[in-house]
Amino acid sequence: MRARLHDRAADLLGVHRTRTDRLAFRAYAKTVTAGTAFAPRSMRYLPGARLAAKNDQTYMDTTSVTTH
């Protein structure tokens, strides 16, 4: 997507971004963001990130302070 290109990369590649490109990317980003609210947690991450999140949660569970 042209809207995601860094300014320098766009210049080097001779790509001209338009207002339509920016609006289309904004709509795509909002759709993806809204969709994550409905997706199960296990589907929100790539496998490597999922494992890291699981390990992080396990770490947080073992270091949390509980008060009674």
C-alpha atoms as a PDB file:
ATOM      1  CA  MET A   1       0.000   0.000   0.000  1.00  0.00           C
ATOM      2  CA  ARG A   2       1.404   3.321  -1.027  1.00  0.00           C
ATOM      3  CA  ALA A   3       0.138   5.089   2.085  1.00  0.00           C
ATOM      4  CA  ARG A   4       2.399   2.958   4.291  1.00  0.00           C
ATOM      5  CA  LEU A   5       5.597   3.955   2.525  1.00  0.00           C
ATOM      6  CA  HIS A   6       8.044   6.208   4.321  1.00  0.00           C
ATOM      7  CA  ASP A   7       8.422   9.592   2.609  1.00  0.00           C
ATOM      8  CA  ARG A   8      11.999   8.844   1.531  1.00  0.00           C
ATOM      9  CA  ALA A   9      11.060   5.398   0.193  1.00  0.00           C
ATOM     10  CA  ALA A  10       8.199   6.908  -1.809  1.00  0.00           C
ATOM     11  CA  ASP A  11      10.598   9.468  -3.307  1.00  0.00           C
ATOM     12  CA  LEU A  12      13.175   6.827  -4.203  1.00  0.00           C
ATOM     13  CA  LEU A  13      10.548   4.609  -5.806  1.00  0.00           C
ATOM     14  CA  GLY A  14       8.841   7.492  -7.588  1.00  0.00           C
ATOM     15  CA  VAL A  15       5.528   6.715  -5.913  1.00  0.00           C
ATOM     16  CA  HIS A  16       3.046   9.527  -5.528  1.00  0.00           C
ATOM     17  CA  ARG A  17       0.572   9.108  -2.719  1.00  0.00           C
ATOM     18  CA  THR A  18      -2.827  10.698  -2.992  1.00  0.00           C
ATOM     19  CA  ARG A  19      -5.506  11.681  -0.562  1.00  0.00           C
ATOM     20  CA  THR A  20      -7.420   8.595  -1.683  1.00  0.00           C
ATOM     21  CA  ASP A  21      -4.462   6.386  -0.692  1.00  0.00           C
ATOM     22  CA  ARG A  22      -4.400   7.908   2.790  1.00  0.00           C
ATOM     23  CA  LEU A  23      -8.166   7.582   3.215  1.00  0.00           C
ATOM     24  CA  ALA A  24      -8.140   3.970   2.021  1.00  0.00           C
ATOM     25  CA  PHE A  25      -5.352   3.094   4.450  1.00  0.00           C
ATOM     26  CA  ARG A  26      -7.176   4.825   7.305  1.00  0.00           C
ATOM     27  CA  ALA A  27     -10.339   2.820   6.525  1.00  0.00           C
ATOM     28  CA  TYR A  28      -8.296  -0.413   6.380  1.00  0.00           C
ATOM     29  CA  ALA A  29      -6.598   0.346   9.707  1.00  0.00           C
ATOM     30  CA  LYS A  30      -9.905   1.133  11.416  1.00  0.00           C
ATOM     31  CA  THR A  31     -11.448  -2.064  10.078  1.00  0.00           C
ATOM     32  CA  VAL A  32      -8.566  -4.196  11.332  1.00  0.00           C
ATOM     33  CA  THR A  33      -8.573  -2.445  14.703  1.00  0.00           C
ATOM     34  CA  ALA A  34     -12.321  -2.902  15.108  1.00  0.00           C
ATOM     35  CA  GLY A  35     -12.055  -6.548  14.084  1.00  0.00           C
ATOM     36  CA  THR A  36      -9.554  -7.340  16.810  1.00  0.00           C
ATOM     37  CA  ALA A  37     -12.168  -6.488  19.421  1.00  0.00           C
ATOM     38  CA  PHE A  38     -14.245  -9.441  18.216  1.00  0.00           C
ATOM     39  CA  ALA A  39     -11.465 -11.919  17.503  1.00  0.00           C
ATOM     40  CA  PRO A  40     -10.510 -14.473  20.152  1.00  0.00           C
ATOM     41  CA  ARG A  41      -7.250 -13.610  21.907  1.00  0.00           C
ATOM     42  CA  SER A  42      -5.553 -16.644  20.350  1.00  0.00           C
ATOM     43  CA  MET A  43      -6.182 -15.253  16.849  1.00  0.00           C
ATOM     44  CA  ARG A  44      -4.928 -11.725  17.508  1.00  0.00           C
ATOM     45  CA  TYR A  45      -1.239 -12.546  17.286  1.00  0.00           C
ATOM     46  CA  LEU A  46       1.174 -14.296  14.960  1.00  0.00           C
ATOM     47  CA  PRO A  47       2.464 -17.586  16.409  1.00  0.00           C
ATOM     48  CA  GLY A  48       5.730 -16.083  17.695  1.00  0.00           C
ATOM     49  CA  ALA A  49       3.976 -13.120  19.254  1.00  0.00           C
ATOM     50  CA  ARG A  50       1.337 -15.434  20.702  1.00  0.00           C
ATOM     51  CA  LEU A  51       4.040 -17.459  22.454  1.00  0.00           C
ATOM     52  CA  ALA A  52       5.689 -14.293  23.775  1.00  0.00           C
ATOM     53  CA  ALA A  53       2.343 -13.013  25.078  1.00  0.00           C
ATOM     54  CA  LYS A  54       1.661 -16.370  26.735  1.00  0.00           C
ATOM     55  CA  ASN A  55       5.099 -16.357  28.364  1.00  0.00           C
ATOM     56  CA  ASP A  56       4.590 -12.783  29.497  1.00  0.00           C
ATOM     57  CA  GLN A  57       1.211 -13.641  31.029  1.00  0.00           C
ATOM     58  CA  THR A  58       2.732 -16.650  32.792  1.00  0.00           C
ATOM     59  CA  TYR A  59       5.470 -14.394  34.160  1.00  0.00           C
ATOM     60  CA  MET A  60       2.909 -11.826  35.286  1.00  0.00           C
ATOM     61  CA  ASP A  61       0.856 -14.547  37.014  1.00  0.00           C
ATOM     62  CA  THR A  62       3.890 -15.734  38.999  1.00  0.00           C
ATOM     63  CA  THR A  63       5.002 -12.258  40.057  1.00  0.00           C
ATOM     64  CA  SER A  64       1.662 -10.699  40.910  1.00  0.00           C
ATOM     65  CA  VAL A  65       1.109  -9.644  44.477  1.00  0.00           C
ATOM     66  CA  THR A  66      -2.131 -10.772  46.051  1.00  0.00           C
ATOM     67  CA  THR A  67      -3.513  -9.118  49.129  1.00  0.00           C
ATOM     68  CA  HIS A  68      -6.156 -10.616  51.324  1.00  0.00           C
END
